[in-house]
Protein backbone atom coordinates (compact mmCIF):
# COMPACT_ATOMS: atom_id res chain seq x y z
CA MET A 1 98.92 106.30 84.14
CA GLY A 2 100.89 107.14 87.26
CA MET A 3 101.86 105.48 90.28
CA LYS A 4 98.55 104.12 91.81
CA LEU A 5 97.93 104.62 95.63
CA GLY A 6 95.96 102.55 98.07
CA VAL A 7 95.30 102.45 101.44
CA MET A 8 95.13 99.48 104.38
CA LEU A 9 91.75 98.85 105.95
CA PRO A 10 91.49 98.25 109.72
CA LEU A 11 91.17 94.82 111.02
CA GLY A 12 91.82 94.32 114.61
CA ALA A 13 92.60 95.85 118.06
CA GLY A 14 94.23 99.23 117.51
CA ASP A 15 92.63 99.81 114.26
CA GLY A 16 89.53 100.95 115.21
CA PRO A 17 88.18 104.06 117.27
CA GLY A 18 90.05 105.12 120.45
CA GLY A 19 92.37 102.33 119.20
CA GLY A 20 89.79 99.69 119.74
CA VAL A 21 88.68 96.89 117.17
CA PRO A 22 87.05 97.88 114.31
CA GLY A 23 83.48 97.23 113.76
CA TRP A 24 82.29 96.56 110.27
CA LYS A 25 81.12 99.93 109.58
CA ASP A 26 84.44 101.24 110.34
CA VAL A 27 86.00 99.23 107.90
CA ARG A 28 83.41 99.80 105.57
CA GLY A 29 83.63 103.57 106.03
CA VAL A 30 87.51 103.52 105.33
CA ALA A 31 86.86 101.47 102.18
CA GLU A 32 83.97 104.04 100.84
CA ALA A 33 86.44 106.81 101.39
CA ALA A 34 89.09 105.40 99.36
CA GLU A 35 86.39 104.88 96.57
CA GLN A 36 84.60 108.07 96.73
CA GLY A 37 88.19 110.01 96.93
CA GLY A 38 89.61 108.53 93.71
CA LEU A 39 92.17 106.38 95.30
CA ASP A 40 93.11 102.78 93.58
CA SER A 41 92.95 100.41 95.88
CA VAL A 42 92.11 98.85 99.29
CA TRP A 43 94.30 96.14 101.21
CA ILE A 44 93.76 93.92 104.51
CA ALA A 45 96.23 92.54 106.83
CA ASP A 46 95.82 88.46 107.48
CA HIS A 47 96.21 87.85 111.63
CA PHE A 48 94.46 85.29 113.88
CA LEU A 49 95.45 87.42 116.60
CA TYR A 50 98.57 89.56 117.76
CA ARG A 51 100.28 89.31 121.13
CA ASP A 52 103.24 91.80 122.19
CA ALA A 53 106.22 91.77 124.32
CA GLU A 54 104.34 92.32 127.52
CA ASP A 55 102.12 89.01 126.34
CA LYS A 56 98.83 91.18 125.80
CA ILE A 57 96.75 89.58 123.10
CA PHE A 58 95.18 91.58 120.71
CA GLY A 59 91.84 89.91 118.93
CA MET A 60 91.44 90.29 115.03
CA HIS A 61 88.84 89.76 112.41
CA ASP A 62 88.62 87.55 109.56
CA SER A 63 90.46 89.43 107.02
CA TRP A 64 89.09 87.31 103.95
CA THR A 65 84.99 87.91 105.07
CA LEU A 66 85.88 91.39 105.11
CA LEU A 67 87.70 91.88 101.82
CA SER A 68 84.55 89.64 100.63
CA ALA A 69 82.01 92.10 102.59
CA VAL A 70 84.33 95.29 100.77
CA ALA A 71 83.93 93.88 97.53
CA ALA A 72 80.70 93.74 97.49
CA VAL A 73 79.68 97.66 98.77
CA THR A 74 82.27 98.72 96.30
CA GLU A 75 82.38 99.22 92.69
CA ARG A 76 85.99 100.61 91.59
CA VAL A 77 88.86 100.16 93.66
CA GLU A 78 90.98 97.22 93.41
CA LEU A 79 90.95 94.70 96.42
CA GLY A 80 94.08 93.34 97.91
CA ASN A 81 95.71 90.93 100.72
CA MET A 82 98.58 92.44 102.27
CA VAL A 83 99.21 89.49 102.65
CA LEU A 84 97.14 86.13 103.22
CA CYS A 85 99.14 83.93 105.27
CA ALA A 86 99.01 80.63 103.62
CA SER A 87 99.42 78.82 106.83
CA PHE A 88 95.94 79.85 107.80
CA ARG A 89 94.14 78.02 104.73
CA ASP A 90 94.69 75.29 102.38
CA PRO A 91 95.66 75.76 98.75
CA GLY A 92 92.41 74.52 97.11
CA LEU A 93 90.08 76.51 99.71
CA THR A 94 92.32 79.69 99.25
CA ALA A 95 92.04 79.36 95.21
CA LYS A 96 88.21 78.70 95.47
CA MET A 97 87.78 81.90 97.64
CA ALA A 98 89.80 83.79 95.28
CA ALA A 99 87.67 82.41 92.28
CA THR A 100 84.54 83.60 94.23
CA LEU A 101 85.62 86.75 95.34
CA ASP A 102 86.97 87.96 92.07
CA GLU A 103 83.31 87.09 90.71
CA VAL A 104 81.99 88.76 93.39
CA SER A 105 84.16 91.94 92.71
CA GLY A 106 84.04 92.12 89.12
CA GLY A 107 88.10 90.81 88.59
CA ARG A 108 89.07 93.41 91.35
CA LEU A 109 90.95 91.09 93.27
CA THR A 110 95.38 90.85 93.80
CA LEU A 111 95.69 87.49 95.74
CA GLY A 112 98.53 88.73 97.79
CA VAL A 113 100.39 85.91 99.81
CA GLY A 114 102.97 85.16 102.40
CA ALA A 115 104.65 82.39 104.48
CA GLY A 116 103.69 83.66 107.71
CA TRP A 117 105.75 84.46 110.60
CA HIS A 118 103.67 85.52 114.02
CA ASP A 119 104.37 82.53 116.04
CA PRO A 120 101.98 83.33 118.87
CA GLU A 121 98.72 82.99 116.45
CA TYR A 122 100.16 79.72 115.22
CA GLU A 123 100.98 78.07 118.57
CA THR A 124 97.43 79.77 119.79
CA PHE A 125 95.44 77.56 116.73
CA GLY A 126 97.86 74.86 116.55
CA LEU A 127 98.92 75.61 113.06
CA PRO A 128 102.69 73.99 112.38
CA THR A 129 105.58 76.47 113.00
CA ASP A 130 108.13 74.40 110.81
CA HIS A 131 109.06 74.46 107.60
CA ARG A 132 107.19 77.77 106.72
CA VAL A 133 108.96 78.52 103.47
CA GLY A 134 109.06 74.69 102.44
CA ARG A 135 105.06 74.42 103.09
CA PHE A 136 104.54 78.01 101.53
CA THR A 137 106.46 76.71 98.29
CA GLU A 138 104.40 73.50 97.70
CA TRP A 139 101.31 75.94 98.76
CA LEU A 140 101.93 78.56 96.28
CA GLU A 141 102.75 76.31 93.16
CA ILE A 142 98.86 74.66 93.77
CA VAL A 143 97.49 77.77 93.99
CA ALA A 144 98.80 79.53 91.35
CA ARG A 145 98.26 76.65 88.84
CA LEU A 146 94.47 76.43 89.78
CA ILE A 147 93.68 80.30 89.60
CA ARG A 148 95.56 80.11 86.55
CA GLY A 149 93.20 77.71 84.74
CA GLU A 150 94.68 73.95 85.27
CA THR A 151 93.99 70.76 86.33
CA VAL A 152 96.35 70.06 89.05
CA THR A 153 97.76 66.94 90.80
CA TYR A 154 100.24 67.63 93.25
CA ASP A 155 101.97 65.24 95.87
CA GLY A 156 104.22 67.14 97.99
CA THR A 157 105.48 66.82 101.54
CA TYR A 158 102.89 68.85 103.07
CA TYR A 159 100.02 69.74 100.54
CA SER A 160 98.42 67.12 97.54
CA VAL A 161 95.61 67.22 95.04
CA SER A 162 94.04 65.03 92.73
CA GLU A 163 92.59 66.38 89.47
CA ALA A 164 91.52 69.72 90.85
CA ASN A 165 90.63 72.42 89.07
CA LEU A 166 88.31 75.90 89.64
CA ASP A 167 84.62 75.02 88.60
CA PRO A 168 83.26 77.48 87.96
CA ALA A 169 86.62 79.13 86.89
CA PRO A 170 87.65 82.52 87.93
CA PRO A 171 86.55 85.30 85.13
CA HIS A 172 89.34 87.12 84.95
CA ARG A 173 93.29 86.48 85.28
CA ILE A 174 93.88 86.67 89.28
CA PRO A 175 97.09 88.62 89.55
CA ILE A 176 99.21 86.99 92.83
CA LEU A 177 101.48 89.12 95.19
CA VAL A 178 104.20 87.83 97.07
CA ALA A 179 105.87 89.59 100.06
CA GLY A 180 109.29 88.97 101.20
CA HIS A 181 113.02 89.58 100.49
CA ARG A 182 115.01 86.63 101.36
CA PRO A 183 116.70 84.24 98.43
CA ARG A 184 114.11 81.61 98.79
CA MET A 185 111.05 83.70 98.77
CA MET A 186 112.46 86.12 96.04
CA LYS A 187 112.67 82.81 93.70
CA LEU A 188 109.51 82.10 94.10
CA THR A 189 108.10 85.63 93.38
CA THR A 190 110.02 85.53 90.35
CA GLN A 191 108.54 81.71 89.39
CA TRP A 192 104.97 82.75 90.31
CA ALA A 193 104.07 86.15 91.44
CA ASP A 194 102.83 88.93 89.23
CA ALA A 195 103.59 91.75 91.94
CA TRP A 196 105.96 91.86 94.79
CA ASN A 197 105.59 94.16 97.99
CA THR A 198 108.22 95.71 100.88
CA ALA A 199 106.74 97.38 103.90
CA TRP A 200 107.12 99.30 106.01
CA TYR A 201 108.81 102.56 105.42
CA GLY A 202 108.35 106.20 105.61
CA THR A 203 110.18 108.29 102.82
CA PRO A 204 112.18 106.39 100.42
CA ASN A 205 115.66 105.43 102.31
CA ASP A 206 118.90 103.19 102.07
CA ARG A 207 116.97 99.76 103.20
CA VAL A 208 114.29 100.77 100.13
CA ASP A 209 116.71 101.02 97.54
CA GLU A 210 118.47 97.67 98.91
CA ARG A 211 115.12 95.82 98.60
CA LEU A 212 114.27 97.17 95.23
CA GLN A 213 117.70 96.14 94.01
CA THR A 214 117.21 92.96 95.56
CA LEU A 215 114.12 92.33 93.32
CA GLN A 216 116.13 93.24 90.28
CA ASP A 217 118.87 90.76 91.12
CA ALA A 218 116.53 88.18 91.58
CA LEU A 219 114.48 89.22 87.86
CA GLN A 220 117.69 89.12 86.05
CA ALA A 221 118.47 85.48 87.77
CA ALA A 222 115.50 83.89 86.24
CA ASP A 223 116.02 85.79 83.47
CA ARG A 224 112.90 87.63 83.49
CA PRO A 225 112.07 91.02 82.36
CA ALA A 226 111.24 93.69 85.10
CA ASP A 227 108.17 95.00 83.39
CA THR A 228 106.77 91.80 83.96
CA MET A 229 106.49 92.40 87.69
CA THR A 230 104.44 95.07 89.21
CA THR A 231 106.26 96.62 92.36
CA THR A 232 104.58 97.78 95.62
CA VAL A 233 105.48 99.50 98.55
CA GLY A 234 103.76 99.87 101.53
CA ILE A 235 104.45 103.11 103.86
CA LEU A 236 103.40 104.43 107.09
CA VAL A 237 101.22 107.90 106.75
CA ARG A 238 100.29 110.40 110.11
CA ASP A 239 97.34 112.21 110.02
CA PRO A 240 98.74 114.82 112.99
CA ASP A 241 95.04 116.65 113.32
CA GLN A 242 93.26 113.14 114.56
CA PRO A 243 95.04 111.57 117.80
CA SER A 244 97.37 108.52 116.86
CA THR A 245 96.37 105.01 117.58
CA ASP A 246 99.69 103.14 116.60
CA PRO A 247 102.20 105.90 116.39
CA SER A 248 105.77 104.93 114.28
CA PRO A 249 108.61 106.70 114.29
CA ASN A 250 108.71 105.64 110.26
CA ALA A 251 105.40 107.19 109.65
CA ILE A 252 105.23 110.68 107.59
CA PRO A 253 102.90 113.57 108.33
CA VAL A 254 100.09 113.62 105.25
CA LYS A 255 101.65 117.02 104.13
CA GLU A 256 104.46 115.15 103.14
CA LEU A 257 102.58 112.64 101.11
CA PRO A 258 103.05 114.28 97.51
CA ALA A 259 106.73 114.35 97.80
CA ALA A 260 106.74 111.16 98.87
CA ILE A 261 104.72 110.16 95.97
CA THR A 262 107.06 111.57 93.75
CA ALA A 263 110.09 110.31 95.13
CA TYR A 264 108.74 106.32 95.19
CA GLU A 265 107.83 106.73 91.42
CA LYS A 266 111.09 108.07 90.56
CA LEU A 267 112.31 104.57 91.70
CA GLY A 268 110.02 102.99 89.74
CA VAL A 269 107.42 101.63 92.21
CA ASP A 270 104.22 100.97 90.21
CA HIS A 271 101.86 101.02 93.50
CA LEU A 272 102.35 102.70 96.90
CA ILE A 273 100.52 101.35 99.61
CA ILE A 274 99.64 103.40 102.71
CA SER A 275 98.94 102.36 105.99
CA PRO A 276 97.26 105.52 107.86
CA ASP A 277 97.48 106.65 111.34
CA PRO A 278 94.49 106.68 112.29
CA MET A 279 92.57 104.48 110.05
CA THR A 280 89.72 106.66 109.55
CA PRO A 281 87.59 107.78 106.76
CA THR A 282 89.42 111.56 107.74
CA ALA A 283 92.65 110.13 107.25
CA VAL A 284 92.29 108.78 103.83
CA GLU A 285 90.34 111.93 102.80
CA ARG A 286 93.26 113.82 103.41
CA ILE A 287 95.51 111.16 101.70
CA ALA A 288 93.08 111.82 98.74
CA GLU A 289 93.49 115.27 98.88
CA ALA A 290 97.67 115.22 99.17
CA ARG A 291 97.44 113.23 95.99
CA LYS A 292 95.49 115.77 94.03
CA GLN A 293 98.15 118.45 95.01
CA LEU A 294 100.62 116.41 92.61
CA PRO A 295 100.81 117.69 88.99
CA SER A 296 98.89 116.46 86.67
């Protein structure tokens, strides 16, 4: 099997029709286009809000609720968080939600997680911004051990559980994906993750090469075989025949996607995750068509 190809789903302001907030029908339409077009996966970001440099606030839906709904209306595509912010939900709750969504989806979930970064949403909702990686270190261990079937007792600085387990247990082993590139995050990736992500790019460049080498160095330092880690890369793809809702200089036109897929596959990337502009069923259909242009 060749490299997998997935797409991001709309979540908040800027992602919906005309640059507005997407409704459920918009999210569902993009997910169904991916499933019907033969793509491998759909992914959704996780934010409470976004505040730009001009202090304008953009609203967001709850990503976990949307992903659960997508699980119920699709049958084949893999489902993933890109990525779930550890600070928003305690580790026990996150593990329980993951086990339940995996049940609903029939084993299609990849639990993508990260330490978080966007201070305005933390401050607005009263979340602590200190020691984010320290908090994530404890959070990730608890989540990983719970969803892998352990009964966990843990007494940390930020989190604690006592004889916690998942009952009912998830019916499948849920892969954990970690996004990050700094040394502490890479060490956590090699310790707990099944997959790793770096984003957002256009065609491969020196920065992509640098990030991929960072992963290889971390795996080597941990004495972990490279083939035990799934490598995912996020890229930006523009459909020039539709009005842009989030123009980015890094975005490549959809007609250049076949060449980009080939280039990333040569780099050893296992799964390419596309953020389409605009986030519409038509854009996803064109992504699926571009993939079909590749030699079988």
